[in-house]
C-alpha atoms as a PDB file:
ATOM      1  CA  MET A   1     -18.404  39.357  30.561  1.00  0.00           C
ATOM      2  CA  ILE A   2     -15.080  41.030  31.429  1.00  0.00           C
ATOM      3  CA  ALA A   3     -13.716  43.846  29.285  1.00  0.00           C
ATOM      4  CA  ILE A   4      -9.944  43.969  28.781  1.00  0.00           C
ATOM      5  CA  THR A   5      -8.057  47.065  27.661  1.00  0.00           C
ATOM      6  CA  GLY A   6      -4.432  46.815  26.572  1.00  0.00           C
ATOM      7  CA  ALA A   7      -5.069  43.277  25.343  1.00  0.00           C
ATOM      8  CA  THR A   8      -2.016  43.375  23.080  1.00  0.00           C
ATOM      9  CA  GLY A   9       0.297  44.647  25.829  1.00  0.00           C
ATOM     10  CA  LYS A  10       2.475  43.052  28.500  1.00  0.00           C
ATOM     11  CA  THR A  11      -0.264  42.569  31.085  1.00  0.00           C
ATOM     12  CA  GLY A  12      -3.534  42.772  29.138  1.00  0.00           C
ATOM     13  CA  SER A  13      -2.606  39.860  26.902  1.00  0.00           C
ATOM     14  CA  ARG A  14      -1.795  37.695  29.934  1.00  0.00           C
ATOM     15  CA  VAL A  15      -4.955  38.761  31.785  1.00  0.00           C
ATOM     16  CA  ALA A  16      -7.117  37.938  28.757  1.00  0.00           C
ATOM     17  CA  ALA A  17      -5.450  34.538  28.320  1.00  0.00           C
ATOM     18  CA  ALA A  18      -5.788  33.712  32.041  1.00  0.00           C
ATOM     19  CA  LEU A  19      -9.490  34.595  32.086  1.00  0.00           C
ATOM     20  CA  LEU A  20     -10.207  32.646  28.906  1.00  0.00           C
ATOM     21  CA  GLU A  21      -8.391  29.639  30.355  1.00  0.00           C
ATOM     22  CA  ALA A  22     -10.599  29.987  33.445  1.00  0.00           C
ATOM     23  CA  LYS A  23     -13.668  29.846  31.143  1.00  0.00           C
ATOM     24  CA  GLN A  24     -14.561  33.487  31.824  1.00  0.00           C
ATOM     25  CA  PRO A  25     -16.224  35.389  28.947  1.00  0.00           C
ATOM     26  CA  VAL A  26     -13.917  38.132  27.689  1.00  0.00           C
ATOM     27  CA  ARG A  27     -14.347  41.208  25.474  1.00  0.00           C
ATOM     28  CA  VAL A  28     -11.077  42.759  24.312  1.00  0.00           C
ATOM     29  CA  LEU A  29     -10.888  46.431  23.401  1.00  0.00           C
ATOM     30  CA  ALA A  30      -8.479  47.203  20.584  1.00  0.00           C
ATOM     31  CA  ARG A  31      -7.737  49.728  17.860  1.00  0.00           C
ATOM     32  CA  SER A  32      -7.184  47.017  15.265  1.00  0.00           C
ATOM     33  CA  ALA A  33      -8.943  43.668  14.858  1.00  0.00           C
ATOM     34  CA  GLU A  34      -5.837  42.045  13.380  1.00  0.00           C
ATOM     35  CA  LYS A  35      -3.846  42.559  16.571  1.00  0.00           C
ATOM     36  CA  VAL A  36      -6.308  40.502  18.636  1.00  0.00           C
ATOM     37  CA  ASP A  37      -7.007  37.738  16.118  1.00  0.00           C
ATOM     38  CA  GLY A  38      -5.357  35.209  18.437  1.00  0.00           C
ATOM     39  CA  LEU A  39      -7.617  36.086  21.364  1.00  0.00           C
ATOM     40  CA  LYS A  40     -10.672  36.101  19.108  1.00  0.00           C
ATOM     41  CA  ALA A  41      -9.747  32.576  17.969  1.00  0.00           C
ATOM     42  CA  GLN A  42      -9.701  31.571  21.668  1.00  0.00           C
ATOM     43  CA  GLY A  43     -13.264  32.824  22.103  1.00  0.00           C
ATOM     44  CA  ALA A  44     -12.916  36.480  23.052  1.00  0.00           C
ATOM     45  CA  GLU A  45     -15.342  39.101  21.774  1.00  0.00           C
ATOM     46  CA  VAL A  46     -13.711  42.108  20.108  1.00  0.00           C
ATOM     47  CA  ALA A  47     -14.705  45.786  20.311  1.00  0.00           C
ATOM     48  CA  ILE A  48     -12.781  48.108  17.980  1.00  0.00           C
ATOM     49  CA  GLY A  49     -12.316  51.758  18.859  1.00  0.00           C
ATOM     50  CA  THR A  50     -10.214  54.425  20.581  1.00  0.00           C
ATOM     51  CA  LEU A  51      -9.662  54.446  24.340  1.00  0.00           C
ATOM     52  CA  ALA A  52      -9.928  58.237  24.564  1.00  0.00           C
ATOM     53  CA  ASP A  53     -13.531  58.095  23.278  1.00  0.00           C
ATOM     54  CA  PRO A  54     -16.040  57.824  26.180  1.00  0.00           C
ATOM     55  CA  THR A  55     -18.901  56.912  23.813  1.00  0.00           C
ATOM     56  CA  TYR A  56     -16.973  53.943  22.428  1.00  0.00           C
ATOM     57  CA  LEU A  57     -15.910  52.902  25.927  1.00  0.00           C
ATOM     58  CA  LYS A  58     -19.438  53.065  27.315  1.00  0.00           C
ATOM     59  CA  ALA A  59     -20.670  50.793  24.524  1.00  0.00           C
ATOM     60  CA  ALA A  60     -17.698  48.435  24.999  1.00  0.00           C
ATOM     61  CA  PHE A  61     -18.351  48.173  28.749  1.00  0.00           C
ATOM     62  CA  ASP A  62     -22.093  47.611  28.271  1.00  0.00           C
ATOM     63  CA  GLY A  63     -23.165  44.213  29.593  1.00  0.00           C
ATOM     64  CA  CYS A  64     -19.850  43.631  31.381  1.00  0.00           C
ATOM     65  CA  SER A  65     -19.565  42.719  35.051  1.00  0.00           C
ATOM     66  CA  GLY A  66     -15.859  43.582  35.141  1.00  0.00           C
ATOM     67  CA  ALA A  67     -13.255  45.678  33.334  1.00  0.00           C
ATOM     68  CA  TYR A  68      -9.460  45.473  33.421  1.00  0.00           C
ATOM     69  CA  LEU A  69      -8.113  48.938  32.715  1.00  0.00           C
ATOM     70  CA  VAL A  70      -4.661  49.796  31.447  1.00  0.00           C
ATOM     71  CA  THR A  71      -3.907  53.382  30.446  1.00  0.00           C
ATOM     72  CA  PRO A  72      -1.233  52.961  27.763  1.00  0.00           C
ATOM     73  CA  LEU A  73       1.741  55.262  27.330  1.00  0.00           C
ATOM     74  CA  ASN A  74       2.912  56.110  23.826  1.00  0.00           C
ATOM     75  CA  TRP A  75       6.508  57.137  24.451  1.00  0.00           C
ATOM     76  CA  SER A  76       6.882  58.585  20.938  1.00  0.00           C
ATOM     77  CA  THR A  77       4.272  61.328  21.442  1.00  0.00           C
ATOM     78  CA  VAL A  78       5.122  64.840  22.618  1.00  0.00           C
ATOM     79  CA  ASP A  79       3.384  64.433  25.999  1.00  0.00           C
ATOM     80  CA  PRO A  80       2.518  60.779  26.758  1.00  0.00           C
ATOM     81  CA  THR A  81       1.210  61.431  30.273  1.00  0.00           C
ATOM     82  CA  ALA A  82      -1.271  64.069  29.060  1.00  0.00           C
ATOM     83  CA  GLU A  83      -2.652  61.498  26.632  1.00  0.00           C
ATOM     84  CA  GLU A  84      -2.703  58.867  29.377  1.00  0.00           C
ATOM     85  CA  ILE A  85      -4.686  61.142  31.701  1.00  0.00           C
ATOM     86  CA  ALA A  86      -7.155  61.894  28.903  1.00  0.00           C
ATOM     87  CA  ILE A  87      -7.714  58.151  28.434  1.00  0.00           C
ATOM     88  CA  GLY A  88      -8.141  57.648  32.180  1.00  0.00           C
ATOM     89  CA  ARG A  89     -10.703  60.411  32.377  1.00  0.00           C
ATOM     90  CA  ALA A  90     -12.583  58.966  29.404  1.00  0.00           C
ATOM     91  CA  MET A  91     -12.697  55.608  31.172  1.00  0.00           C
ATOM     92  CA  ALA A  92     -13.988  57.215  34.372  1.00  0.00           C
ATOM     93  CA  GLU A  93     -16.654  59.084  32.408  1.00  0.00           C
ATOM     94  CA  ALA A  94     -17.771  55.906  30.643  1.00  0.00           C
ATOM     95  CA  LEU A  95     -17.966  53.947  33.927  1.00  0.00           C
ATOM     96  CA  ALA A  96     -19.513  56.640  36.121  1.00  0.00           C
ATOM     97  CA  GLY A  97     -22.221  55.181  38.353  1.00  0.00           C
ATOM     98  CA  SER A  98     -22.021  51.718  36.783  1.00  0.00           C
ATOM     99  CA  THR A  99     -21.907  48.430  38.677  1.00  0.00           C
ATOM    100  CA  VAL A 100     -18.853  47.224  36.741  1.00  0.00           C
ATOM    101  CA  HIS A 101     -16.071  45.845  38.946  1.00  0.00           C
ATOM    102  CA  VAL A 102     -13.025  47.772  37.759  1.00  0.00           C
ATOM    103  CA  VAL A 103      -9.464  46.499  38.163  1.00  0.00           C
ATOM    104  CA  TYR A 104      -7.059  49.335  37.317  1.00  0.00           C
ATOM    105  CA  LEU A 105      -3.348  48.757  36.733  1.00  0.00           C
ATOM    106  CA  SER A 106      -1.541  51.677  38.355  1.00  0.00           C
ATOM    107  CA  VAL A 107       2.059  51.668  39.610  1.00  0.00           C
ATOM    108  CA  LEU A 108       3.856  51.162  42.914  1.00  0.00           C
ATOM    109  CA  LYS A 109       4.166  54.451  44.855  1.00  0.00           C
ATOM    110  CA  ALA A 110       1.667  56.194  42.569  1.00  0.00           C
ATOM    111  CA  ARG A 111       0.611  58.596  45.330  1.00  0.00           C
ATOM    112  CA  ASP A 112       3.958  59.078  47.029  1.00  0.00           C
ATOM    113  CA  LYS A 113       4.713  62.342  45.176  1.00  0.00           C
ATOM    114  CA  THR A 114       7.776  60.874  43.510  1.00  0.00           C
ATOM    115  CA  GLY A 115       7.825  63.557  40.822  1.00  0.00           C
ATOM    116  CA  ILE A 116       7.924  60.871  38.122  1.00  0.00           C
ATOM    117  CA  PRO A 117       5.439  62.038  35.459  1.00  0.00           C
ATOM    118  CA  HIS A 118       4.010  58.625  34.554  1.00  0.00           C
ATOM    119  CA  PHE A 119       3.572  57.816  38.263  1.00  0.00           C
ATOM    120  CA  GLU A 120       1.839  61.145  38.962  1.00  0.00           C
ATOM    121  CA  SER A 121      -0.499  60.603  35.992  1.00  0.00           C
ATOM    122  CA  LYS A 122      -1.640  57.280  37.417  1.00  0.00           C
ATOM    123  CA  ALA A 123      -2.347  58.923  40.771  1.00  0.00           C
ATOM    124  CA  GLU A 124      -4.640  61.356  38.953  1.00  0.00           C
ATOM    125  CA  ILE A 125      -6.395  58.504  37.154  1.00  0.00           C
ATOM    126  CA  GLU A 126      -6.812  56.568  40.422  1.00  0.00           C
ATOM    127  CA  THR A 127      -8.583  59.609  41.860  1.00  0.00           C
ATOM    128  CA  ALA A 128     -10.895  59.919  38.836  1.00  0.00           C
ATOM    129  CA  LEU A 129     -11.808  56.218  38.942  1.00  0.00           C
ATOM    130  CA  GLU A 130     -12.392  56.294  42.703  1.00  0.00           C
ATOM    131  CA  ALA A 131     -14.925  59.087  42.214  1.00  0.00           C
ATOM    132  CA  ALA A 132     -16.663  57.296  39.331  1.00  0.00           C
ATOM    133  CA  CYS A 133     -16.628  53.602  40.244  1.00  0.00           C
ATOM    134  CA  PRO A 134     -18.382  52.094  43.303  1.00  0.00           C
ATOM    135  CA  THR A 135     -16.293  48.924  43.042  1.00  0.00           C
ATOM    136  CA  LEU A 136     -12.615  49.455  42.274  1.00  0.00           C
ATOM    137  CA  THR A 137      -9.535  47.278  42.745  1.00  0.00           C
ATOM    138  CA  VAL A 138      -6.304  49.207  42.199  1.00  0.00           C
ATOM    139  CA  LEU A 139      -3.193  47.132  41.535  1.00  0.00           C
ATOM    140  CA  ARG A 140       0.131  48.911  42.024  1.00  0.00           C
ATOM    141  CA  PRO A 141       2.824  46.742  40.459  1.00  0.00           C
ATOM    142  CA  ALA A 142       6.566  47.011  40.919  1.00  0.00           C
ATOM    143  CA  PHE A 143       9.117  47.209  38.086  1.00  0.00           C
ATOM    144  CA  PHE A 144       8.265  44.522  35.518  1.00  0.00           C
ATOM    145  CA  MET A 145      10.808  41.713  35.215  1.00  0.00           C
ATOM    146  CA  GLU A 146       9.768  41.600  31.545  1.00  0.00           C
ATOM    147  CA  ASN A 147      11.336  45.047  31.024  1.00  0.00           C
ATOM    148  CA  LEU A 148      14.671  43.235  31.045  1.00  0.00           C
ATOM    149  CA  LEU A 149      13.714  41.312  27.906  1.00  0.00           C
ATOM    150  CA  ALA A 150      14.871  44.419  26.040  1.00  0.00           C
ATOM    151  CA  GLN A 151      18.381  43.398  27.163  1.00  0.00           C
ATOM    152  CA  ILE A 152      18.350  40.171  25.166  1.00  0.00           C
ATOM    153  CA  GLY A 153      20.429  41.684  22.348  1.00  0.00           C
ATOM    154  CA  ALA A 154      23.198  42.715  24.731  1.00  0.00           C
ATOM    155  CA  LEU A 155      22.980  39.370  26.489  1.00  0.00           C
ATOM    156  CA  SER A 156      23.567  37.622  23.170  1.00  0.00           C
ATOM    157  CA  SER A 157      26.409  39.875  22.020  1.00  0.00           C
ATOM    158  CA  SER A 158      28.338  40.690  25.187  1.00  0.00           C
ATOM    159  CA  ARG A 159      26.704  38.775  28.063  1.00  0.00           C
ATOM    160  CA  THR A 160      25.991  42.128  29.708  1.00  0.00           C
ATOM    161  CA  ILE A 161      22.861  43.771  31.040  1.00  0.00           C
ATOM    162  CA  SER A 162      22.657  47.493  31.777  1.00  0.00           C
ATOM    163  CA  LEU A 163      20.290  49.928  33.458  1.00  0.00           C
ATOM    164  CA  PRO A 164      20.896  53.563  34.452  1.00  0.00           C
ATOM    165  CA  MET A 165      21.172  52.711  38.142  1.00  0.00           C
ATOM    166  CA  PRO A 166      23.816  51.182  40.453  1.00  0.00           C
ATOM    167  CA  GLY A 167      24.168  47.413  40.448  1.00  0.00           C
ATOM    168  CA  HIS A 168      23.875  47.249  44.249  1.00  0.00           C
ATOM    169  CA  GLN A 169      20.574  49.164  44.577  1.00  0.00           C
ATOM    170  CA  PRO A 170      17.608  46.941  45.593  1.00  0.00           C
ATOM    171  CA  LEU A 171      14.583  47.162  43.300  1.00  0.00           C
ATOM    172  CA  ALA A 172      11.083  45.765  43.831  1.00  0.00           C
ATOM    173  CA  MET A 173      10.186  43.648  40.804  1.00  0.00           C
ATOM    174  CA  VAL A 174       7.244  41.573  39.618  1.00  0.00           C
ATOM    175  CA  SER A 175       6.397  39.306  36.721  1.00  0.00           C
ATOM    176  CA  THR A 176       3.376  40.108  34.569  1.00  0.00           C
ATOM    177  CA  ALA A 177       2.276  36.518  35.293  1.00  0.00           C
ATOM    178  CA  ASP A 178       1.655  37.570  38.918  1.00  0.00           C
ATOM    179  CA  ILE A 179      -0.446  40.529  37.771  1.00  0.00           C
ATOM    180  CA  ALA A 180      -2.527  38.292  35.525  1.00  0.00           C
ATOM    181  CA  GLU A 181      -3.113  35.793  38.320  1.00  0.00           C
ATOM    182  CA  VAL A 182      -4.161  38.433  40.855  1.00  0.00           C
ATOM    183  CA  THR A 183      -6.459  40.079  38.310  1.00  0.00           C
ATOM    184  CA  LYS A 184      -8.077  36.776  37.385  1.00  0.00           C
ATOM    185  CA  GLN A 185      -8.668  35.926  41.040  1.00  0.00           C
ATOM    186  CA  ALA A 186     -10.108  39.396  41.725  1.00  0.00           C
ATOM    187  CA  PHE A 187     -12.697  38.973  38.974  1.00  0.00           C
ATOM    188  CA  VAL A 188     -13.558  35.387  39.897  1.00  0.00           C
ATOM    189  CA  ARG A 189     -13.879  36.360  43.576  1.00  0.00           C
ATOM    190  CA  GLY A 190     -15.985  39.417  42.802  1.00  0.00           C
ATOM    191  CA  PRO A 191     -15.913  43.042  43.972  1.00  0.00           C
ATOM    192  CA  LYS A 192     -15.205  44.181  47.523  1.00  0.00           C
ATOM    193  CA  GLY A 193     -15.836  47.912  47.400  1.00  0.00           C
ATOM    194  CA  LYS A 194     -12.672  49.978  46.954  1.00  0.00           C
ATOM    195  CA  GLU A 195      -9.315  48.266  47.569  1.00  0.00           C
ATOM    196  CA  ILE A 196      -5.647  48.898  46.761  1.00  0.00           C
ATOM    197  CA  TYR A 197      -2.839  46.335  46.567  1.00  0.00           C
ATOM    198  CA  ASP A 198       0.879  46.623  45.960  1.00  0.00           C
ATOM    199  CA  VAL A 199       1.827  43.766  43.625  1.00  0.00           C
ATOM    200  CA  ILE A 200       5.451  42.780  44.193  1.00  0.00           C
ATOM    201  CA  GLY A 201       7.440  39.562  43.857  1.00  0.00           C
ATOM    202  CA  MET A 202       8.677  37.681  46.888  1.00  0.00           C
ATOM    203  CA  ARG A 203      11.586  40.079  47.490  1.00  0.00           C
ATOM    204  CA  CYS A 204      13.697  42.859  45.987  1.00  0.00           C
ATOM    205  CA  TYR A 205      16.601  42.136  43.645  1.00  0.00           C
ATOM    206  CA  THR A 206      19.575  44.305  42.737  1.00  0.00           C
ATOM    207  CA  PRO A 207      20.499  44.671  39.045  1.00  0.00           C
ATOM    208  CA  GLY A 208      23.834  43.041  39.795  1.00  0.00           C
ATOM    209  CA  GLU A 209      22.045  40.083  41.359  1.00  0.00           C
ATOM    210  CA  CYS A 210      19.802  39.825  38.294  1.00  0.00           C
ATOM    211  CA  ALA A 211      22.892  39.565  36.096  1.00  0.00           C
ATOM    212  CA  ARG A 212      24.308  36.833  38.339  1.00  0.00           C
ATOM    213  CA  LEU A 213      21.047  34.862  38.259  1.00  0.00           C
ATOM    214  CA  ILE A 214      20.831  35.135  34.487  1.00  0.00           C
ATOM    215  CA  GLY A 215      24.416  33.882  34.395  1.00  0.00           C
ATOM    216  CA  ASN A 216      23.501  30.941  36.604  1.00  0.00           C
ATOM    217  CA  SER A 217      20.744  29.989  34.165  1.00  0.00           C
ATOM    218  CA  LEU A 218      23.063  30.481  31.204  1.00  0.00           C
ATOM    219  CA  GLY A 219      25.941  28.614  32.798  1.00  0.00           C
ATOM    220  CA  ARG A 220      28.273  31.513  32.028  1.00  0.00           C
ATOM    221  CA  THR A 221      29.177  34.797  33.674  1.00  0.00           C
ATOM    222  CA  VAL A 222      26.813  37.647  32.840  1.00  0.00           C
ATOM    223  CA  TYR A 223      28.062  41.121  33.710  1.00  0.00           C
ATOM    224  CA  TYR A 224      26.166  44.153  34.957  1.00  0.00           C
ATOM    225  CA  LYS A 225      27.241  47.598  33.766  1.00  0.00           C
ATOM    226  CA  GLU A 226      25.584  50.772  35.000  1.00  0.00           C
ATOM    227  CA  MET A 227      24.443  52.785  31.999  1.00  0.00           C
ATOM    228  CA  THR A 228      25.160  56.510  31.920  1.00  0.00           C
ATOM    229  CA  ASP A 229      22.283  58.958  31.502  1.00  0.00           C
ATOM    230  CA  LYS A 230      23.812  59.988  28.177  1.00  0.00           C
ATOM    231  CA  ASP A 231      23.845  56.422  26.837  1.00  0.00           C
ATOM    232  CA  PHE A 232      20.335  55.791  28.179  1.00  0.00           C
ATOM    233  CA  THR A 233      19.110  58.935  26.422  1.00  0.00           C
ATOM    234  CA  LYS A 234      20.721  57.860  23.136  1.00  0.00           C
ATOM    235  CA  MET A 235      19.147  54.417  23.442  1.00  0.00           C
ATOM    236  CA  LEU A 236      15.668  55.876  24.049  1.00  0.00           C
ATOM    237  CA  GLU A 237      16.002  58.408  21.239  1.00  0.00           C
ATOM    238  CA  ALA A 238      16.944  55.589  18.865  1.00  0.00           C
ATOM    239  CA  THR A 239      13.559  53.962  19.625  1.00  0.00           C
ATOM    240  CA  GLY A 240      11.708  57.183  18.757  1.00  0.00           C
ATOM    241  CA  ALA A 241      11.040  58.348  22.324  1.00  0.00           C
ATOM    242  CA  SER A 242      10.116  62.013  22.655  1.00  0.00           C
ATOM    243  CA  ASP A 243      12.049  64.495  24.787  1.00  0.00           C
ATOM    244  CA  HIS A 244       9.246  64.385  27.373  1.00  0.00           C
ATOM    245  CA  SER A 245       9.485  60.592  27.530  1.00  0.00           C
ATOM    246  CA  VAL A 246      13.259  60.600  27.910  1.00  0.00           C
ATOM    247  CA  ALA A 247      13.000  63.062  30.804  1.00  0.00           C
ATOM    248  CA  ASP A 248      10.227  60.987  32.407  1.00  0.00           C
ATOM    249  CA  LEU A 249      12.181  57.722  32.301  1.00  0.00           C
ATOM    250  CA  LEU A 250      15.397  59.371  33.480  1.00  0.00           C
ATOM    251  CA  CYS A 251      13.418  60.800  36.394  1.00  0.00           C
ATOM    252  CA  MET A 252      12.210  57.290  37.265  1.00  0.00           C
ATOM    253  CA  PHE A 253      15.702  55.816  37.334  1.00  0.00           C
ATOM    254  CA  HIS A 254      17.033  58.779  39.323  1.00  0.00           C
ATOM    255  CA  TYR A 255      14.319  58.004  41.868  1.00  0.00           C
ATOM    256  CA  PHE A 256      15.396  54.340  41.892  1.00  0.00           C
ATOM    257  CA  LYS A 257      18.973  55.493  42.608  1.00  0.00           C
ATOM    258  CA  GLU A 258      18.022  57.813  45.448  1.00  0.00           C
ATOM    259  CA  SER A 259      15.131  55.958  47.100  1.00  0.00           C
ATOM    260  CA  ARG A 260      14.196  52.426  48.035  1.00  0.00           C
ATOM    261  CA  PHE A 261      11.604  51.346  45.479  1.00  0.00           C
ATOM    262  CA  THR A 262       9.603  48.844  47.486  1.00  0.00           C
ATOM    263  CA  GLY A 263       6.189  48.473  49.086  1.00  0.00           C
ATOM    264  CA  ASP A 264       3.864  46.159  51.007  1.00  0.00           C
ATOM    265  CA  PHE A 265       4.754  42.572  50.139  1.00  0.00           C
ATOM    266  CA  ASP A 266       2.018  41.037  52.268  1.00  0.00           C
ATOM    267  CA  ASN A 267      -1.355  42.704  51.672  1.00  0.00           C
ATOM    268  CA  VAL A 268      -1.962  41.210  48.232  1.00  0.00           C
ATOM    269  CA  ARG A 269      -1.013  37.722  49.478  1.00  0.00           C
ATOM    270  CA  LYS A 270      -3.526  37.975  52.312  1.00  0.00           C
ATOM    271  CA  ALA A 271      -6.288  38.624  49.774  1.00  0.00           C
ATOM    272  CA  PHE A 272      -5.203  36.257  46.990  1.00  0.00           C
ATOM    273  CA  LYS A 273      -3.483  32.877  47.053  1.00  0.00           C
ATOM    274  CA  TYR A 274      -0.778  32.451  44.433  1.00  0.00           C
ATOM    275  CA  THR A 275       2.909  31.683  44.056  1.00  0.00           C
ATOM    276  CA  SER A 276       4.988  34.564  42.739  1.00  0.00           C
ATOM    277  CA  VAL A 277       7.387  34.109  39.855  1.00  0.00           C
ATOM    278  CA  THR A 278      10.897  34.530  41.265  1.00  0.00           C
ATOM    279  CA  PHE A 279      13.655  36.223  39.289  1.00  0.00           C
ATOM    280  CA  GLU A 280      15.489  32.896  39.394  1.00  0.00           C
ATOM    281  CA  LYS A 281      12.613  31.392  37.377  1.00  0.00           C
ATOM    282  CA  PHE A 282      12.303  34.429  35.133  1.00  0.00           C
ATOM    283  CA  ALA A 283      16.043  34.236  34.366  1.00  0.00           C
ATOM    284  CA  GLU A 284      15.525  30.744  32.946  1.00  0.00           C
ATOM    285  CA  PHE A 285      12.801  32.111  30.659  1.00  0.00           C
ATOM    286  CA  MET A 286      14.974  35.053  29.613  1.00  0.00           C
ATOM    287  CA  VAL A 287      17.853  32.751  28.671  1.00  0.00           C
ATOM    288  CA  SER A 288      15.498  30.509  26.673  1.00  0.00           C
ATOM    289  CA  GLU A 289      14.233  33.583  24.788  1.00  0.00           C
ATOM    290  CA  SER A 290      17.743  34.887  24.114  1.00  0.00           C
ATOM    291  CA  GLY A 291      18.833  32.005  21.925  1.00  0.00           C
ATOM    292  CA  VAL A 292      22.246  32.031  23.620  1.00  0.00           C
ATOM    293  CA  GLN A 293      23.576  28.510  23.963  1.00  0.00           C
ATOM    294  CA  SER A 294      23.914  27.515  27.604  1.00  0.00           C
ATOM    295  CA  SER A 295      27.117  26.002  28.943  1.00  0.00           C
ATOM    296  CA  LYS A 296      27.066  22.782  30.910  1.00  0.00           C
ATOM    297  CA  PHE A 297      29.352  24.423  33.429  1.00  0.00           C
ATOM    298  CA  LYS A 298      27.706  26.510  36.119  1.00  0.00           C
ATOM    299  CA  VAL A 299      29.127  29.791  37.363  1.00  0.00           C
ATOM    300  CA  GLN A 300      30.972  29.299  40.635  1.00  0.00           C
END
């Protein structure tokens, strides 16, 4: 049995589906049964509770050989990273001394002292899990390609995508499909002590290149426009993000501007055999999700 946290999120839902497809028994941890009805219908067990509660977690992990851990961030709360660390510590407490093979979803450059709050929080959680869990696989993913799905509205209205960073700056990216595949293979393969992998696509892409590739899939020009910090702040505030969250995400994009956000492309591919989703392929999916009618004429 493999326990899955964050089963309604970007990666947890894909990990749960991949494991169920591979005929692996799955127990999903959730706050609400209704949100995981689809996974339950596919055969998953459901454990309802709160991730910050070690007693609930210990019961949910009981009888499991593996656990996929995501420490969620609620960007609307006053201090999301403090809550995230509390959840991580609760997980470590619940798993202390157990034989459960833990796969923890961290972030690329978690321990590089970037100063980004939600990177630093994951470094702290990595340390807590390392002390508690004899068998631990840490996955450090790059920037999710799926984050750009939030741009679908602008793609439909103005054929423009925007991020608060220059269009020429390379950025390591990854699809959540890659994370799900690596996680599935890690559980099927079994534990190998303590291990850490950067999980990145085949190469870096610039935001401007992403716009061009989306345009190629659409058959029309798609433009990239660098968003100002002021406009980014207004956009986040409109979604209910707290001041702490706005500062955190601005810090991340400032880091992307000033540093090369990349890592080890090879170590994960030496351990696991899979084909990464390219941004070219993801662009096709993004266009299909946008509902924008494609032209028969390709961008020159």
